[in-house]
Protein backbone atom coordinates (compact mmCIF):
# COMPACT_ATOMS: atom_id res chain seq x y z
CA MET A 1 188.50 9.73 113.60
CA SER A 2 189.72 7.49 110.79
CA SER A 3 193.17 7.80 109.19
CA SER A 4 191.59 8.99 105.92
CA GLU A 5 189.80 11.83 107.75
CA PHE A 6 193.10 12.76 109.41
CA VAL A 7 194.84 13.04 106.03
CA ILE A 8 192.06 15.24 104.68
CA ASP A 9 192.35 17.53 107.70
CA MET A 10 196.09 17.81 107.20
CA GLN A 11 195.62 18.76 103.56
CA GLU A 12 193.22 21.49 104.62
CA LEU A 13 195.73 22.76 107.16
CA GLU A 14 198.47 22.87 104.54
CA SER A 15 196.18 24.98 102.37
CA LEU A 16 195.43 27.22 105.36
CA LEU A 17 199.16 27.68 105.89
CA ASP A 18 199.61 28.66 102.24
CA GLU A 19 196.85 31.25 102.58
CA THR A 20 198.05 32.71 105.88
CA ALA A 21 201.85 32.83 105.68
CA GLY A 22 202.87 36.18 104.21
CA SER A 23 206.61 35.59 103.77
CA ASP A 24 209.16 32.83 103.37
CA GLY A 25 210.08 33.24 107.03
CA GLU A 26 206.46 32.84 108.11
CA ARG A 27 206.07 29.84 105.83
CA GLU A 28 209.11 28.15 107.42
CA PHE A 29 207.86 28.99 110.90
CA GLY A 30 204.35 27.78 110.08
CA THR A 31 205.65 24.50 108.70
CA ALA A 32 207.52 23.86 111.96
CA ALA A 33 204.45 24.87 113.98
CA LEU A 34 202.24 22.54 111.99
CA ALA A 35 204.66 19.66 112.55
CA PHE A 36 204.62 20.37 116.28
CA LEU A 37 200.83 20.48 116.42
CA ARG A 38 200.48 17.29 114.41
CA ALA A 39 202.84 15.53 116.82
CA HIS A 40 201.00 16.65 119.96
CA ALA A 41 197.30 17.00 119.10
CA GLN A 42 194.53 15.76 116.85
CA PRO A 43 192.62 18.01 114.45
CA LYS A 44 189.58 19.54 116.10
CA PRO A 45 186.23 18.50 114.63
CA PRO A 46 184.13 21.53 113.74
CA LEU A 47 181.29 22.50 116.04
CA SER A 48 178.12 20.92 114.73
CA THR A 49 175.64 23.23 113.03
CA THR A 50 173.15 20.40 112.56
CA TRP A 51 169.91 21.33 114.28
CA GLY A 52 169.06 19.14 117.27
CA VAL A 53 172.39 17.27 117.36
CA GLY A 54 174.73 17.40 120.36
CA PRO A 55 174.98 20.13 123.01
CA GLU A 56 173.83 23.60 121.97
CA HIS A 57 177.03 25.26 123.27
CA LEU A 58 175.37 28.66 123.42
CA GLU A 59 176.80 29.85 126.74
CA LEU A 60 179.27 32.73 126.36
CA PHE A 61 180.96 32.43 129.75
CA HIS A 62 182.35 29.39 131.53
CA GLU A 63 179.84 27.78 133.86
CA THR A 64 181.77 25.04 135.62
CA SER A 65 182.24 23.87 139.19
CA ASP A 66 185.36 24.79 141.17
CA ASP A 67 186.83 21.32 140.58
CA GLU A 68 186.11 21.49 136.85
CA GLU A 69 187.60 24.98 136.63
CA ARG A 70 190.76 23.87 138.41
CA ALA A 71 191.07 20.88 136.09
CA GLU A 72 190.71 23.18 133.06
CA ALA A 73 193.41 25.46 134.46
CA ASP A 74 195.76 22.51 135.02
CA ALA A 75 195.18 21.28 131.45
CA ALA A 76 195.80 24.76 130.03
CA LEU A 77 199.04 25.07 132.02
CA ALA A 78 200.25 21.66 130.86
CA TRP A 79 199.64 22.54 127.20
CA GLN A 80 201.36 25.91 127.67
CA ARG A 81 204.41 24.12 129.11
CA THR A 82 204.49 21.81 126.13
CA LYS A 83 204.37 24.76 123.73
CA PHE A 84 207.04 26.71 125.60
CA GLU A 85 209.45 23.78 125.62
CA ALA A 86 209.04 23.52 121.84
CA GLY A 87 209.53 27.25 121.26
CA PHE A 88 205.87 28.13 120.64
CA GLY A 89 204.81 29.33 124.10
CA TRP A 90 206.02 32.93 123.86
CA ILE A 91 206.46 33.55 120.19
CA GLY A 92 206.64 37.34 120.35
CA GLY A 93 208.37 37.59 123.72
CA PRO A 94 211.87 39.05 124.28
CA SER A 95 214.51 36.47 123.46
CA GLU A 96 216.59 37.39 126.51
CA HIS A 97 213.76 36.10 128.69
CA GLY A 98 213.00 32.93 126.74
CA GLY A 99 210.67 34.36 124.12
CA GLY A 100 210.94 33.81 120.39
CA GLY A 101 211.42 37.46 119.46
CA TYR A 102 209.17 37.09 116.41
CA PRO A 103 206.82 39.78 115.04
CA ASP A 104 203.13 39.67 115.97
CA SER A 105 202.27 38.11 112.61
CA TYR A 106 204.06 34.90 113.63
CA ASP A 107 202.03 34.63 116.82
CA ARG A 108 198.84 35.23 114.83
CA LEU A 109 199.85 32.50 112.36
CA PHE A 110 200.41 30.00 115.17
CA ARG A 111 197.07 30.83 116.81
CA ILE A 112 195.25 30.29 113.52
CA LEU A 113 196.87 26.87 113.09
CA GLU A 114 196.44 25.94 116.75
CA GLY A 115 192.75 26.81 116.53
CA ARG A 116 192.25 23.86 114.18
CA PHE A 117 193.52 21.34 116.76
CA ASP A 118 191.82 19.80 119.77
CA VAL A 119 193.90 21.40 122.53
CA PRO A 120 192.95 22.54 126.06
CA ASP A 121 190.90 25.71 126.37
CA PRO A 122 193.34 28.58 127.14
CA SER A 123 190.70 30.66 128.97
CA PRO A 124 192.14 30.09 132.47
CA ILE A 125 195.55 31.48 131.46
CA ARG A 126 194.54 33.92 128.70
CA ILE A 127 194.56 37.01 130.94
CA GLY A 128 198.11 36.30 132.01
CA ILE A 129 199.59 35.64 128.59
CA GLY A 130 197.43 38.04 126.60
CA THR A 131 196.89 41.01 128.92
CA VAL A 132 199.02 41.11 132.07
CA GLY A 133 202.19 39.68 130.51
CA PRO A 134 202.48 42.17 127.63
CA ALA A 135 201.85 45.13 129.98
CA LEU A 136 204.57 43.95 132.37
CA VAL A 137 207.05 43.47 129.52
CA LEU A 138 206.37 47.04 128.46
CA HIS A 139 206.51 48.67 131.90
CA GLY A 140 208.26 46.22 134.24
CA THR A 141 211.95 45.83 135.05
CA SER A 142 214.03 42.98 133.69
CA ASP A 143 213.78 41.29 137.09
CA ILE A 144 209.97 41.58 137.05
CA VAL A 145 209.81 40.05 133.57
CA GLU A 146 212.11 37.18 134.51
CA GLN A 147 210.51 36.46 137.90
CA PHE A 148 206.83 36.93 137.09
CA VAL A 149 206.21 37.19 133.36
CA ARG A 150 208.30 34.33 132.06
CA PRO A 151 206.51 31.80 134.36
CA LEU A 152 203.18 32.84 132.78
CA TYR A 153 204.41 31.73 129.36
CA GLU A 154 206.24 28.71 130.75
CA GLY A 155 202.94 27.37 132.01
CA LYS A 156 204.00 27.64 135.64
CA SER A 157 201.84 30.55 136.82
CA ILE A 158 198.43 32.19 136.33
CA ALA A 159 197.65 35.91 136.61
CA CYS A 160 194.51 37.96 137.14
CA GLN A 161 193.64 41.68 136.93
CA LEU A 162 192.61 43.55 140.06
CA PHE A 163 191.18 46.67 138.43
CA SER A 164 187.38 47.15 138.71
CA GLU A 165 185.80 48.21 141.99
CA PRO A 166 182.19 48.34 143.24
CA GLY A 167 182.23 52.12 143.65
CA ALA A 168 184.19 53.10 140.55
CA GLY A 169 182.13 51.57 137.74
CA SER A 170 183.62 52.50 134.38
CA ASP A 171 185.55 55.35 135.98
CA LEU A 172 188.66 53.24 136.50
CA ALA A 173 190.67 56.29 137.55
CA GLY A 174 188.29 56.57 140.49
CA VAL A 175 189.50 53.40 142.24
CA SER A 176 189.76 53.74 146.01
CA THR A 177 191.82 50.68 146.99
CA THR A 178 194.76 52.17 148.88
CA ALA A 179 198.42 51.28 149.19
CA VAL A 180 200.37 53.08 151.91
CA PRO A 181 204.14 52.85 152.43
CA VAL A 182 205.27 50.51 155.22
CA ASP A 183 208.60 49.01 156.15
CA GLY A 184 209.80 47.01 153.14
CA GLY A 185 206.91 47.76 150.82
CA TRP A 186 203.23 48.65 150.74
CA GLN A 187 200.12 47.82 152.73
CA VAL A 188 197.04 47.38 150.54
CA ASN A 189 193.40 47.69 151.60
CA GLY A 190 190.30 47.65 149.42
CA GLN A 191 187.94 45.59 147.29
CA LYS A 192 188.05 44.55 143.64
CA VAL A 193 185.19 43.05 141.63
CA TRP A 194 184.48 41.17 138.36
CA THR A 195 187.86 39.48 138.58
CA SER A 196 188.34 36.42 136.36
CA ASN A 197 190.47 33.45 137.45
CA ALA A 198 191.14 34.86 140.93
CA THR A 199 190.26 31.55 142.61
CA PHE A 200 193.36 29.88 141.18
CA ALA A 201 195.59 32.82 140.16
CA ASP A 202 199.10 33.08 141.56
CA ILE A 203 199.58 36.83 141.03
CA GLY A 204 197.25 39.77 140.56
CA LEU A 205 198.02 43.04 138.81
CA ALA A 206 196.41 45.61 141.11
CA LEU A 207 195.61 49.25 140.36
CA VAL A 208 195.81 51.11 143.67
CA ARG A 209 195.79 54.66 144.98
CA THR A 210 199.10 55.66 146.55
CA ASP A 211 198.59 59.44 146.71
CA PRO A 212 195.05 60.55 147.67
CA SER A 213 196.11 64.21 147.44
CA ALA A 214 197.06 64.00 143.75
CA GLY A 215 194.70 64.16 140.77
CA LYS A 216 192.66 61.04 140.01
CA HIS A 217 195.05 59.67 137.38
CA ALA A 218 198.25 60.99 138.94
CA GLY A 219 197.64 59.34 142.30
CA LEU A 220 197.50 55.78 140.95
CA SER A 221 200.18 53.10 141.02
CA MET A 222 200.38 49.47 139.92
CA LEU A 223 201.39 46.60 142.19
CA LEU A 224 201.87 42.87 141.74
CA VAL A 225 200.00 41.08 144.52
CA ASP A 226 200.72 37.52 145.62
CA MET A 227 197.19 36.09 145.61
CA ARG A 228 198.12 33.70 148.43
CA SER A 229 199.21 36.49 150.75
CA PRO A 230 197.53 36.80 154.16
CA GLY A 231 194.59 39.18 153.88
CA VAL A 232 193.55 38.19 150.33
CA GLU A 233 190.02 36.75 150.21
CA VAL A 234 188.32 35.62 147.00
CA ARG A 235 184.54 35.15 146.77
CA PRO A 236 182.75 33.85 143.64
CA ILE A 237 179.96 36.01 142.17
CA GLN A 238 176.81 34.13 141.16
CA GLN A 239 175.71 35.22 137.67
CA MET A 240 172.14 35.44 136.46
CA THR A 241 172.91 32.60 134.04
CA GLY A 242 173.70 30.30 136.97
CA GLY A 243 177.48 30.20 136.60
CA ALA A 244 180.19 31.93 138.62
CA SER A 245 182.84 33.01 136.12
CA PHE A 246 183.85 36.09 138.11
CA THR A 247 184.84 36.89 141.68
CA GLU A 248 185.20 39.74 144.12
CA VAL A 249 188.54 40.08 145.89
CA PHE A 250 188.96 41.62 149.33
CA LEU A 251 192.38 42.97 150.34
CA ALA A 252 192.86 43.52 154.09
CA ASP A 253 196.28 44.80 155.19
CA VAL A 254 197.95 42.84 152.38
CA HIS A 255 201.72 43.34 152.32
CA VAL A 256 203.33 43.86 148.91
CA PRO A 257 207.15 44.08 148.77
CA ALA A 258 208.61 47.31 147.41
CA GLY A 259 210.08 45.54 144.39
CA ARG A 260 206.59 44.55 143.21
CA MET A 261 205.63 48.05 142.08
CA ILE A 262 205.41 48.30 138.29
CA GLY A 263 206.97 51.58 137.23
CA GLU A 264 207.23 54.55 139.53
CA PRO A 265 204.71 55.62 142.18
CA GLY A 266 201.99 57.59 140.43
CA ALA A 267 202.63 55.95 137.04
CA GLY A 268 199.92 53.33 137.39
CA TRP A 269 197.58 54.83 134.82
CA SER A 270 199.99 54.25 131.92
CA VAL A 271 200.35 50.60 132.95
CA ALA A 272 196.57 50.30 133.25
CA THR A 273 196.10 51.78 129.78
CA ALA A 274 198.47 49.23 128.24
CA THR A 275 196.71 46.41 130.10
CA LEU A 276 193.24 47.55 129.04
CA ALA A 277 194.36 47.78 125.41
CA GLY A 278 195.33 44.12 125.61
CA GLU A 279 192.03 43.20 127.27
CA ARG A 280 189.93 45.00 124.63
CA LYS A 281 191.97 43.38 121.88
CA ALA A 282 191.32 39.97 123.47
CA VAL A 283 187.56 40.60 123.63
CA GLY A 284 187.51 41.76 120.00
CA ASP A 285 189.70 38.87 118.93
CA ARG A 286 187.44 36.19 120.35
CA SER A 287 187.02 33.24 118.01
CA HIS A 288 184.50 33.95 115.26
CA GLU A 289 183.90 30.23 114.85
CA ASN A 290 181.35 30.37 117.66
CA LEU A 291 179.71 33.47 116.20
CA THR A 292 179.50 31.95 112.73
CA ARG A 293 178.03 28.75 114.15
CA ALA A 294 175.43 30.73 116.10
CA VAL A 295 174.37 32.55 112.93
CA GLU A 296 173.88 29.21 111.19
CA LEU A 297 171.88 27.77 114.10
CA LEU A 298 169.81 30.94 114.06
CA ARG A 299 169.02 30.29 110.41
CA HIS A 300 167.77 26.81 111.28
CA LEU A 301 165.68 28.29 114.08
CA GLY A 302 164.20 30.86 111.71
CA ASP A 303 163.35 28.24 109.11
CA ALA A 304 161.39 26.36 111.78
CA GLU A 305 159.84 29.29 113.63
CA GLY A 306 159.33 32.45 111.66
CA PHE A 307 161.23 33.16 108.46
CA ASP A 308 157.92 33.37 106.66
CA ASP A 309 158.05 36.92 108.07
CA ALA A 310 160.18 38.98 105.67
CA ARG A 311 161.22 41.34 108.46
CA LEU A 312 162.75 38.49 110.43
CA ARG A 313 164.55 37.16 107.35
CA ARG A 314 165.99 40.63 106.79
CA ARG A 315 167.17 40.82 110.40
CA TRP A 316 168.93 37.47 110.06
CA ALA A 317 170.71 38.74 106.94
CA GLU A 318 171.78 41.88 108.81
CA VAL A 319 173.14 39.75 111.67
CA ALA A 320 175.08 37.53 109.24
CA ILE A 321 176.53 40.56 107.47
CA GLY A 322 177.48 42.17 110.78
CA VAL A 323 179.42 39.10 111.92
CA ARG A 324 181.20 38.82 108.59
CA ALA A 325 182.06 42.52 108.44
CA SER A 326 183.44 42.43 111.98
CA ARG A 327 185.63 39.46 111.09
CA LEU A 328 186.96 41.12 107.95
CA ARG A 329 187.82 44.28 109.88
CA GLN A 330 189.60 42.23 112.51
CA GLN A 331 191.61 40.40 109.86
CA GLY A 332 192.59 43.72 108.33
CA LEU A 333 193.92 45.05 111.63
CA GLN A 334 195.74 41.81 112.37
CA SER A 335 197.75 42.27 109.19
CA VAL A 336 199.05 45.65 110.44
CA PRO A 337 202.07 45.66 112.81
CA ALA A 338 200.89 46.31 116.35
CA GLU A 339 202.99 49.45 116.74
CA TYR A 340 200.97 51.13 113.96
CA VAL A 341 197.58 50.39 115.51
CA ALA A 342 196.34 52.86 118.12
CA PRO A 343 194.73 51.20 121.18
CA ALA A 344 191.51 53.11 120.48
CA GLU A 345 191.28 51.45 117.06
CA ARG A 346 191.15 48.01 118.66
CA THR A 347 188.35 49.30 120.86
CA ALA A 348 186.08 49.22 117.81
CA ASP A 349 186.62 45.45 117.52
CA LYS A 350 185.34 45.01 121.06
CA LEU A 351 182.30 47.18 120.36
CA LEU A 352 181.45 45.29 117.17
CA THR A 353 181.78 41.90 118.85
CA ALA A 354 179.49 42.93 121.71
CA ALA A 355 176.93 44.33 119.25
CA ASN A 356 176.94 41.13 117.19
CA LEU A 357 176.47 38.95 120.25
CA ALA A 358 173.50 41.04 121.36
CA ALA A 359 171.91 41.09 117.89
CA ILE A 360 172.06 37.30 117.65
CA GLY A 361 170.41 36.92 121.05
CA ASP A 362 167.73 39.50 120.31
CA LEU A 363 166.68 37.79 117.09
CA ALA A 364 166.59 34.40 118.83
CA ALA A 365 164.32 35.91 121.51
CA ASP A 366 161.93 37.33 118.93
CA LEU A 367 161.80 34.05 117.04
CA LEU A 368 161.13 31.95 120.15
CA GLY A 369 158.75 34.12 122.10
CA PRO A 370 157.92 32.64 125.55
CA ARG A 371 160.17 29.62 124.98
CA PHE A 372 163.15 31.97 125.16
CA SER A 373 162.37 32.62 128.83
CA VAL A 374 160.90 29.28 129.98
CA ASP A 375 163.03 26.12 129.99
CA THR A 376 160.84 23.40 128.49
CA GLY A 377 163.79 21.11 127.79
CA GLU A 378 163.33 21.51 124.04
CA TRP A 379 166.59 21.61 122.10
CA GLY A 380 167.65 25.00 120.74
CA THR A 381 165.19 27.12 122.70
CA PHE A 382 166.02 28.17 126.27
CA ALA A 383 169.76 27.77 125.53
CA TRP A 384 169.57 31.06 123.64
CA ASN A 385 168.67 32.75 126.93
CA LYS A 386 172.17 32.08 128.26
CA TRP A 387 173.63 33.50 125.05
CA ARG A 388 171.67 36.75 125.44
CA MET A 389 172.43 37.07 129.13
CA GLY A 390 176.11 36.44 128.45
CA ALA A 391 176.09 39.09 125.74
CA LEU A 392 175.32 41.68 128.41
CA GLY A 393 178.68 40.88 129.99
CA TYR A 394 180.53 41.66 126.80
CA ARG A 395 179.05 45.15 126.81
CA ILE A 396 180.90 45.70 130.09
CA ALA A 397 184.09 43.63 129.79
CA GLY A 398 187.11 45.74 128.92
CA GLY A 399 185.15 48.98 129.47
CA THR A 400 181.47 49.81 129.08
CA GLU A 401 180.15 50.69 125.66
CA GLU A 402 179.38 54.31 126.55
CA ILE A 403 182.95 54.98 127.65
CA LEU A 404 184.49 53.19 124.67
CA LYS A 405 182.28 54.93 122.12
CA THR A 406 183.43 58.25 123.52
CA LEU A 407 187.01 57.01 123.23
CA VAL A 408 186.56 56.10 119.56
CA ALA A 409 184.72 59.35 118.81
CA GLU A 410 187.42 61.55 120.30
CA ARG A 411 190.63 59.65 119.54
CA VAL A 412 189.86 57.90 116.26
CA LEU A 413 187.22 60.05 114.55
CA GLY A 414 188.59 63.31 115.91
CA LEU A 415 185.22 64.58 117.12
CA PRO A 416 185.15 67.41 119.69
CA ARG A 417 185.86 66.26 123.23
CA GLU A 418 183.10 66.28 125.81
CA PRO A 419 183.22 69.25 128.20
CA LYS A 420 184.95 68.14 131.39
CA GLU A 421 182.08 69.31 133.57
CA LEU A 422 179.86 66.68 131.89
CA ARG A 423 182.20 63.81 132.74
């Protein structure tokens, strides 16, 4: 990148700061953030939308080897440490634990600016800092926050969620992993599935059943599990796209100290609800740069393959409008303080994102025909298959669509609740 291109990028970022900062305080904060980013990273070149140039980048989930994944995690941790030391690693966190104490809008402003720079992918640590950390701040003791949460934002630790189980499906309250009292803590036995980052996570937030005699929700508790404890076994799950982004975790007589319970025994469901709200927000908040690029590549594909069919042109327009509308809705919610946004409202973001991902893949499949399913090596053909297969995962991540649509219907739209006997 030449020096003249660097200056142009900086001018664009200054304009972005002017557009995004909503107050003098945010403007001052953003100016400091921009100076930090300029000192530690180069502007990120935009993903190419030129047809036939460079990698397609149409996979929706990481598909790397164990060594590559570990290297990505180390890079993400190093960048997180750099941010924390400069005061940008935990912008909204409690000041008594090393956080900045700023409103959510400041964190959003930093993420927008950071997104324009070529920095390590935060995916390996995103669950810890975006999902597990906030839930522990809300429900954990001061000692828990200092001992386990602060290291997540300092770039010293990685967390995973131990929620889903093979036999529970979307009925998270039906988990069967047990935790029984033993001398000095709890003994945990069970199996978790679809766990991200478990191969290199330091701690896992585990939803367990501590009282089998109580009602489904009332008998649950939340524990922090040391992922290197004896009895913890992690096995990668091979995906149909060829990658192994997720794992299953087996827990056999795993000892968890008494001080690692989050909240009181039987209060696990409220912690799980807070955690899931963060997960659904993260899915809905995924970068729209990749979606926008995919829509543009889809236009190139249509020009070459089938936009002489008016029905296909109309479908592309509907896809483009859907992506744009989803982004505008997300921006609207981001401008509202988090305490005024019900968790169920953020669920709609997740549903819209999953629907847009699927619609893009479906149109690509119809345009390509057999080349969507057979890898001929031709650029911009079979790569869409991984996009469509990955889109299926987003219909499940953070809660399946059927469950979440019911949630929105009942808690946002105020529609009559389903009879309990049908659930």
